Amino acid sequence: MSTPEVIERVYTLETEIIQIKEAIGIQNNSEMALTVVSILGFLNTFLGVWSEVLNGILYKQVRDDHRAKIADNAEGMP
């Protein structure tokens, strides 16, 4: 092999390596985007369920407080 052939082969290999690195980067970015979307979907579901749980707890607390006030008022009446 002559020097120009070696230089051309090295250049070709470098170009192929750069293309592979770019393809891996694009694939990783796509996978990362899918991962982020999946995490956001999970968080959205979790927050929806958590909101329902908190609403249930708060509703029960308000209901229990209301019942306690009614009971207190009933005890205070002759």
PDB file of N, CA and C in Angstrom:
ATOM      1  N   MET A   1       0.836  -1.185   0.000  1.00  0.00           N
ATOM      2  CA  MET A   1       0.000   0.000   0.000  1.00  0.00           C
ATOM      3  C   MET A   1       0.877   1.242   0.000  1.00  0.00           C
ATOM      4  N   SER A   2       0.504   2.199  -0.792  1.00  0.00           N
ATOM      5  CA  SER A   2       1.255   3.441  -0.836  1.00  0.00           C
ATOM      6  C   SER A   2       0.721   4.395   0.222  1.00  0.00           C
ATOM      7  N   THR A   3       1.470   5.429   0.489  1.00  0.00           N
ATOM      8  CA  THR A   3       1.081   6.416   1.496  1.00  0.00           C
ATOM      9  C   THR A   3      -0.265   7.055   1.191  1.00  0.00           C
ATOM     10  N   PRO A   4      -0.548   7.469  -0.036  1.00  0.00           N
ATOM     11  CA  PRO A   4      -1.872   8.047  -0.314  1.00  0.00           C
ATOM     12  C   PRO A   4      -3.010   7.052  -0.032  1.00  0.00           C
ATOM     13  N   GLU A   5      -2.785   5.765  -0.345  1.00  0.00           N
ATOM     14  CA  GLU A   5      -3.813   4.764  -0.075  1.00  0.00           C
ATOM     15  C   GLU A   5      -4.043   4.611   1.431  1.00  0.00           C
ATOM     16  N   VAL A   6      -2.966   4.630   2.195  1.00  0.00           N
ATOM     17  CA  VAL A   6      -3.072   4.517   3.653  1.00  0.00           C
ATOM     18  C   VAL A   6      -3.819   5.730   4.212  1.00  0.00           C
ATOM     19  N   ILE A   7      -3.456   6.901   3.743  1.00  0.00           N
ATOM     20  CA  ILE A   7      -4.110   8.128   4.209  1.00  0.00           C
ATOM     21  C   ILE A   7      -5.598   8.092   3.850  1.00  0.00           C
ATOM     22  N   GLU A   8      -5.924   7.644   2.646  1.00  0.00           N
ATOM     23  CA  GLU A   8      -7.330   7.555   2.234  1.00  0.00           C
ATOM     24  C   GLU A   8      -8.079   6.546   3.111  1.00  0.00           C
ATOM     25  N   ARG A   9      -7.435   5.419   3.396  1.00  0.00           N
ATOM     26  CA  ARG A   9      -8.080   4.396   4.238  1.00  0.00           C
ATOM     27  C   ARG A   9      -8.294   4.924   5.652  1.00  0.00           C
ATOM     28  N   VAL A  10      -7.332   5.614   6.225  1.00  0.00           N
ATOM     29  CA  VAL A  10      -7.463   6.198   7.559  1.00  0.00           C
ATOM     30  C   VAL A  10      -8.595   7.220   7.567  1.00  0.00           C
ATOM     31  N   TYR A  11      -8.648   8.056   6.544  1.00  0.00           N
ATOM     32  CA  TYR A  11      -9.715   9.063   6.450  1.00  0.00           C
ATOM     33  C   TYR A  11     -11.083   8.376   6.377  1.00  0.00           C
ATOM     34  N   THR A  12     -11.184   7.316   5.570  1.00  0.00           N
ATOM     35  CA  THR A  12     -12.448   6.582   5.441  1.00  0.00           C
ATOM     36  C   THR A  12     -12.852   5.984   6.784  1.00  0.00           C
ATOM     37  N   LEU A  13     -11.911   5.382   7.505  1.00  0.00           N
ATOM     38  CA  LEU A  13     -12.206   4.798   8.815  1.00  0.00           C
ATOM     39  C   LEU A  13     -12.632   5.870   9.814  1.00  0.00           C
ATOM     40  N   GLU A  14     -11.947   6.998   9.807  1.00  0.00           N
ATOM     41  CA  GLU A  14     -12.323   8.100  10.711  1.00  0.00           C
ATOM     42  C   GLU A  14     -13.741   8.575  10.411  1.00  0.00           C
ATOM     43  N   THR A  15     -14.077   8.712   9.131  1.00  0.00           N
ATOM     44  CA  THR A  15     -15.412   9.146   8.726  1.00  0.00           C
ATOM     45  C   THR A  15     -16.463   8.148   9.198  1.00  0.00           C
ATOM     46  N   GLU A  16     -16.173   6.854   9.020  1.00  0.00           N
ATOM     47  CA  GLU A  16     -17.114   5.823   9.458  1.00  0.00           C
ATOM     48  C   GLU A  16     -17.287   5.844  10.977  1.00  0.00           C
ATOM     49  N   ILE A  17     -16.201   6.039  11.699  1.00  0.00           N
ATOM     50  CA  ILE A  17     -16.273   6.114  13.167  1.00  0.00           C
ATOM     51  C   ILE A  17     -17.118   7.303  13.597  1.00  0.00           C
ATOM     52  N   ILE A  18     -16.939   8.443  12.958  1.00  0.00           N
ATOM     53  CA  ILE A  18     -17.732   9.643  13.282  1.00  0.00           C
ATOM     54  C   ILE A  18     -19.207   9.374  13.000  1.00  0.00           C
ATOM     55  N   GLN A  19     -19.523   8.732  11.876  1.00  0.00           N
ATOM     56  CA  GLN A  19     -20.909   8.423  11.541  1.00  0.00           C
ATOM     57  C   GLN A  19     -21.521   7.470  12.574  1.00  0.00           C
ATOM     58  N   ILE A  20     -20.747   6.489  13.022  1.00  0.00           N
ATOM     59  CA  ILE A  20     -21.240   5.549  14.037  1.00  0.00           C
ATOM     60  C   ILE A  20     -21.500   6.290  15.344  1.00  0.00           C
ATOM     61  N   LYS A  21     -20.577   7.157  15.738  1.00  0.00           N
ATOM     62  CA  LYS A  21     -20.761   7.939  16.969  1.00  0.00           C
ATOM     63  C   LYS A  21     -22.017   8.804  16.878  1.00  0.00           C
ATOM     64  N   GLU A  22     -22.231   9.440  15.734  1.00  0.00           N
ATOM     65  CA  GLU A  22     -23.425  10.267  15.557  1.00  0.00           C
ATOM     66  C   GLU A  22     -24.692   9.421  15.623  1.00  0.00           C
ATOM     67  N   ALA A  23     -24.663   8.242  14.997  1.00  0.00           N
ATOM     68  CA  ALA A  23     -25.828   7.362  15.020  1.00  0.00           C
ATOM     69  C   ALA A  23     -26.130   6.910  16.448  1.00  0.00           C
ATOM     70  N   ILE A  24     -25.080   6.592  17.203  1.00  0.00           N
ATOM     71  CA  ILE A  24     -25.268   6.199  18.605  1.00  0.00           C
ATOM     72  C   ILE A  24     -25.841   7.366  19.399  1.00  0.00           C
ATOM     73  N   GLY A  25     -25.337   8.564  19.160  1.00  0.00           N
ATOM     74  CA  GLY A  25     -25.852   9.753  19.848  1.00  0.00           C
ATOM     75  C   GLY A  25     -27.315   9.993  19.538  1.00  0.00           C
ATOM     76  N   ILE A  26     -27.707   9.842  18.280  1.00  0.00           N
ATOM     77  CA  ILE A  26     -29.112  10.025  17.892  1.00  0.00           C
ATOM     78  C   ILE A  26     -29.978   8.968  18.555  1.00  0.00           C
ATOM     79  N   GLN A  27     -29.492   7.720  18.559  1.00  0.00           N
ATOM     80  CA  GLN A  27     -30.251   6.640  19.178  1.00  0.00           C
ATOM     81  C   GLN A  27     -30.401   6.888  20.678  1.00  0.00           C
ATOM     82  N   ASN A  28     -29.308   7.309  21.325  1.00  0.00           N
ATOM     83  CA  ASN A  28     -29.365   7.589  22.760  1.00  0.00           C
ATOM     84  C   ASN A  28     -30.320   8.732  23.059  1.00  0.00           C
ATOM     85  N   ASN A  29     -30.316   9.765  22.212  1.00  0.00           N
ATOM     86  CA  ASN A  29     -31.236  10.892  22.407  1.00  0.00           C
ATOM     87  C   ASN A  29     -32.685  10.436  22.262  1.00  0.00           C
ATOM     88  N   SER A  30     -32.945   9.574  21.287  1.00  0.00           N
ATOM     89  CA  SER A  30     -34.301   9.059  21.097  1.00  0.00           C
ATOM     90  C   SER A  30     -34.729   8.218  22.286  1.00  0.00           C
ATOM     91  N   GLU A  31     -33.815   7.358  22.749  1.00  0.00           N
ATOM     92  CA  GLU A  31     -34.125   6.522  23.907  1.00  0.00           C
ATOM     93  C   GLU A  31     -34.335   7.389  25.143  1.00  0.00           C
ATOM     94  N   MET A  32     -33.523   8.427  25.270  1.00  0.00           N
ATOM     95  CA  MET A  32     -33.650   9.337  26.411  1.00  0.00           C
ATOM     96  C   MET A  32     -34.995  10.048  26.358  1.00  0.00           C
ATOM     97  N   ALA A  33     -35.388  10.479  25.163  1.00  0.00           N
ATOM     98  CA  ALA A  33     -36.677  11.157  25.022  1.00  0.00           C
ATOM     99  C   ALA A  33     -37.814  10.213  25.386  1.00  0.00           C
ATOM    100  N   LEU A  34     -37.730   8.965  24.942  1.00  0.00           N
ATOM    101  CA  LEU A  34     -38.766   7.991  25.291  1.00  0.00           C
ATOM    102  C   LEU A  34     -38.788   7.737  26.792  1.00  0.00           C
ATOM    103  N   THR A  35     -37.603   7.689  27.399  1.00  0.00           N
ATOM    104  CA  THR A  35     -37.521   7.483  28.844  1.00  0.00           C
ATOM    105  C   THR A  35     -38.165   8.653  29.579  1.00  0.00           C
ATOM    106  N   VAL A  36     -37.874   9.866  29.142  1.00  0.00           N
ATOM    107  CA  VAL A  36     -38.455  11.051  29.781  1.00  0.00           C
ATOM    108  C   VAL A  36     -39.973  11.046  29.628  1.00  0.00           C
ATOM    109  N   VAL A  37     -40.456  10.711  28.445  1.00  0.00           N
ATOM    110  CA  VAL A  37     -41.900  10.653  28.220  1.00  0.00           C
ATOM    111  C   VAL A  37     -42.534   9.595  29.119  1.00  0.00           C
ATOM    112  N   SER A  38     -41.865   8.451  29.246  1.00  0.00           N
ATOM    113  CA  SER A  38     -42.380   7.389  30.117  1.00  0.00           C
ATOM    114  C   SER A  38     -42.425   7.844  31.571  1.00  0.00           C
ATOM    115  N   ILE A  39     -41.363   8.507  32.003  1.00  0.00           N
ATOM    116  CA  ILE A  39     -41.317   8.994  33.390  1.00  0.00           C
ATOM    117  C   ILE A  39     -42.401  10.039  33.618  1.00  0.00           C
ATOM    118  N   LEU A  40     -42.575  10.952  32.666  1.00  0.00           N
ATOM    119  CA  LEU A  40     -43.612  11.971  32.804  1.00  0.00           C
ATOM    120  C   LEU A  40     -45.000  11.344  32.851  1.00  0.00           C
ATOM    121  N   GLY A  41     -45.211  10.317  32.035  1.00  0.00           N
ATOM    122  CA  GLY A  41     -46.492   9.616  32.054  1.00  0.00           C
ATOM    123  C   GLY A  41     -46.740   8.961  33.406  1.00  0.00           C
ATOM    124  N   PHE A  42     -45.702   8.328  33.949  1.00  0.00           N
ATOM    125  CA  PHE A  42     -45.822   7.705  35.261  1.00  0.00           C
ATOM    126  C   PHE A  42     -46.112   8.756  36.330  1.00  0.00           C
ATOM    127  N   LEU A  43     -45.377   9.861  36.287  1.00  0.00           N
ATOM    128  CA  LEU A  43     -45.592  10.913  37.287  1.00  0.00           C
ATOM    129  C   LEU A  43     -46.998  11.489  37.183  1.00  0.00           C
ATOM    130  N   ASN A  44     -47.486  11.664  35.976  1.00  0.00           N
ATOM    131  CA  ASN A  44     -48.843  12.176  35.782  1.00  0.00           C
ATOM    132  C   ASN A  44     -49.864  11.230  36.403  1.00  0.00           C
ATOM    133  N   THR A  45     -49.685   9.939  36.161  1.00  0.00           N
ATOM    134  CA  THR A  45     -50.589   8.942  36.746  1.00  0.00           C
ATOM    135  C   THR A  45     -50.478   8.953  38.264  1.00  0.00           C
ATOM    136  N   PHE A  46     -49.247   8.983  38.763  1.00  0.00           N
ATOM    137  CA  PHE A  46     -49.021   8.983  40.204  1.00  0.00           C
ATOM    138  C   PHE A  46     -49.662  10.209  40.854  1.00  0.00           C
ATOM    139  N   LEU A  47     -49.457  11.364  40.246  1.00  0.00           N
ATOM    140  CA  LEU A  47     -50.015  12.584  40.828  1.00  0.00           C
ATOM    141  C   LEU A  47     -51.545  12.564  40.788  1.00  0.00           C
ATOM    142  N   GLY A  48     -52.125  11.973  39.754  1.00  0.00           N
ATOM    143  CA  GLY A  48     -53.571  11.847  39.693  1.00  0.00           C
ATOM    144  C   GLY A  48     -54.100  10.968  40.814  1.00  0.00           C
ATOM    145  N   VAL A  49     -53.442   9.833  41.019  1.00  0.00           N
ATOM    146  CA  VAL A  49     -53.854   8.931  42.102  1.00  0.00           C
ATOM    147  C   VAL A  49     -53.632   9.600  43.447  1.00  0.00           C
ATOM    148  N   TRP A  50     -52.488  10.238  43.611  1.00  0.00           N
ATOM    149  CA  TRP A  50     -52.173  10.909  44.877  1.00  0.00           C
ATOM    150  C   TRP A  50     -53.192  12.010  45.171  1.00  0.00           C
ATOM    151  N   SER A  51     -53.595  12.732  44.146  1.00  0.00           N
ATOM    152  CA  SER A  51     -54.600  13.775  44.313  1.00  0.00           C
ATOM    153  C   SER A  51     -55.916  13.176  44.798  1.00  0.00           C
ATOM    154  N   GLU A  52     -56.297  12.033  44.215  1.00  0.00           N
ATOM    155  CA  GLU A  52     -57.522  11.371  44.653  1.00  0.00           C
ATOM    156  C   GLU A  52     -57.413  10.911  46.098  1.00  0.00           C
ATOM    157  N   VAL A  53     -56.249  10.401  46.469  1.00  0.00           N
ATOM    158  CA  VAL A  53     -56.035   9.969  47.855  1.00  0.00           C
ATOM    159  C   VAL A  53     -56.160  11.162  48.799  1.00  0.00           C
ATOM    160  N   LEU A  54     -55.488  12.255  48.466  1.00  0.00           N
ATOM    161  CA  LEU A  54     -55.538  13.438  49.329  1.00  0.00           C
ATOM    162  C   LEU A  54     -56.952  13.994  49.415  1.00  0.00           C
ATOM    163  N   ASN A  55     -57.652  14.027  48.291  1.00  0.00           N
ATOM    164  CA  ASN A  55     -59.034  14.501  48.310  1.00  0.00           C
ATOM    165  C   ASN A  55     -59.888  13.631  49.215  1.00  0.00           C
ATOM    166  N   GLY A  56     -59.677  12.325  49.170  1.00  0.00           N
ATOM    167  CA  GLY A  56     -60.412  11.415  50.034  1.00  0.00           C
ATOM    168  C   GLY A  56     -60.100  11.650  51.497  1.00  0.00           C
ATOM    169  N   ILE A  57     -58.821  11.866  51.805  1.00  0.00           N
ATOM    170  CA  ILE A  57     -58.413  12.120  53.189  1.00  0.00           C
ATOM    171  C   ILE A  57     -59.002  13.435  53.674  1.00  0.00           C
ATOM    172  N   LEU A  58     -58.899  14.474  52.854  1.00  0.00           N
ATOM    173  CA  LEU A  58     -59.425  15.776  53.247  1.00  0.00           C
ATOM    174  C   LEU A  58     -60.943  15.735  53.388  1.00  0.00           C
ATOM    175  N   TYR A  59     -61.612  15.048  52.470  1.00  0.00           N
ATOM    176  CA  TYR A  59     -63.067  14.927  52.551  1.00  0.00           C
ATOM    177  C   TYR A  59     -63.462  14.227  53.856  1.00  0.00           C
ATOM    178  N   LYS A  60     -62.758  13.139  54.179  1.00  0.00           N
ATOM    179  CA  LYS A  60     -63.056  12.403  55.405  1.00  0.00           C
ATOM    180  C   LYS A  60     -62.819  13.291  56.621  1.00  0.00           C
ATOM    181  N   GLN A  61     -61.734  14.060  56.607  1.00  0.00           N
ATOM    182  CA  GLN A  61     -61.430  14.933  57.738  1.00  0.00           C
ATOM    183  C   GLN A  61     -62.502  16.004  57.906  1.00  0.00           C
ATOM    184  N   VAL A  62     -62.914  16.627  56.814  1.00  0.00           N
ATOM    185  CA  VAL A  62     -63.955  17.655  56.872  1.00  0.00           C
ATOM    186  C   VAL A  62     -65.275  17.033  57.345  1.00  0.00           C
ATOM    187  N   ARG A  63     -65.591  15.873  56.792  1.00  0.00           N
ATOM    188  CA  ARG A  63     -66.825  15.183  57.184  1.00  0.00           C
ATOM    189  C   ARG A  63     -66.803  14.838  58.679  1.00  0.00           C
ATOM    190  N   ASP A  64     -65.658  14.307  59.145  1.00  0.00           N
ATOM    191  CA  ASP A  64     -65.549  13.944  60.563  1.00  0.00           C
ATOM    192  C   ASP A  64     -65.627  15.181  61.461  1.00  0.00           C
ATOM    193  N   ASP A  65     -64.986  16.277  61.035  1.00  0.00           N
ATOM    194  CA  ASP A  65     -65.058  17.523  61.814  1.00  0.00           C
ATOM    195  C   ASP A  65     -66.498  18.028  61.868  1.00  0.00           C
ATOM    196  N   HIS A  66     -67.191  17.954  60.756  1.00  0.00           N
ATOM    197  CA  HIS A  66     -68.588  18.400  60.698  1.00  0.00           C
ATOM    198  C   HIS A  66     -69.457  17.545  61.630  1.00  0.00           C
ATOM    199  N   ARG A  67     -69.267  16.248  61.586  1.00  0.00           N
ATOM    200  CA  ARG A  67     -70.032  15.348  62.468  1.00  0.00           C
ATOM    201  C   ARG A  67     -69.730  15.638  63.942  1.00  0.00           C
ATOM    202  N   ALA A  68     -68.464  15.917  64.234  1.00  0.00           N
ATOM    203  CA  ALA A  68     -68.087  16.215  65.621  1.00  0.00           C
ATOM    204  C   ALA A  68     -68.767  17.501  66.089  1.00  0.00           C
ATOM    205  N   LYS A  69     -68.832  18.509  65.224  1.00  0.00           N
ATOM    206  CA  LYS A  69     -69.502  19.760  65.595  1.00  0.00           C
ATOM    207  C   LYS A  69     -70.995  19.532  65.830  1.00  0.00           C
ATOM    208  N   ILE A  70     -71.597  18.737  64.963  1.00  0.00           N
ATOM    209  CA  ILE A  70     -73.030  18.433  65.140  1.00  0.00           C
ATOM    210  C   ILE A  70     -73.227  17.714  66.459  1.00  0.00           C
ATOM    211  N   ALA A  71     -72.355  16.755  66.780  1.00  0.00           N
ATOM    212  CA  ALA A  71     -72.474  16.015  68.032  1.00  0.00           C
ATOM    213  C   ALA A  71     -72.280  16.938  69.233  1.00  0.00           C
ATOM    214  N   ASP A  72     -71.291  17.841  69.135  1.00  0.00           N
ATOM    215  CA  ASP A  72     -71.053  18.804  70.229  1.00  0.00           C
ATOM    216  C   ASP A  72     -72.266  19.701  70.430  1.00  0.00           C
ATOM    217  N   ASN A  73     -72.847  20.167  69.344  1.00  0.00           N
ATOM    218  CA  ASN A  73     -74.037  21.033  69.436  1.00  0.00           C
ATOM    219  C   ASN A  73     -75.221  20.264  70.032  1.00  0.00           C
ATOM    220  N   ALA A  74     -75.346  18.996  69.648  1.00  0.00           N
ATOM    221  CA  ALA A  74     -76.449  18.194  70.154  1.00  0.00           C
ATOM    222  C   ALA A  74     -76.300  17.944  71.660  1.00  0.00           C
ATOM    223  N   GLU A  75     -75.081  17.769  72.127  1.00  0.00           N
ATOM    224  CA  GLU A  75     -74.843  17.532  73.549  1.00  0.00           C
ATOM    225  C   GLU A  75     -75.117  18.795  74.360  1.00  0.00           C
ATOM    226  N   GLY A  76     -74.857  19.937  73.771  1.00  0.00           N
ATOM    227  CA  GLY A  76     -75.036  21.184  74.495  1.00  0.00           C
ATOM    228  C   GLY A  76     -76.479  21.625  74.568  1.00  0.00           C
ATOM    229  N   MET A  77     -77.366  21.028  73.806  1.00  0.00           N
ATOM    230  CA  MET A  77     -78.778  21.418  73.810  1.00  0.00           C
ATOM    231  C   MET A  77     -79.520  20.647  74.912  1.00  0.00           C
ATOM    232  N   PRO A  78     -80.418  21.334  75.608  1.00  0.00           N
ATOM    233  CA  PRO A  78     -81.177  20.637  76.660  1.00  0.00           C
ATOM    234  C   PRO A  78     -82.244  19.734  76.129  1.00  0.00           C
TER     235      PRO A  78
END
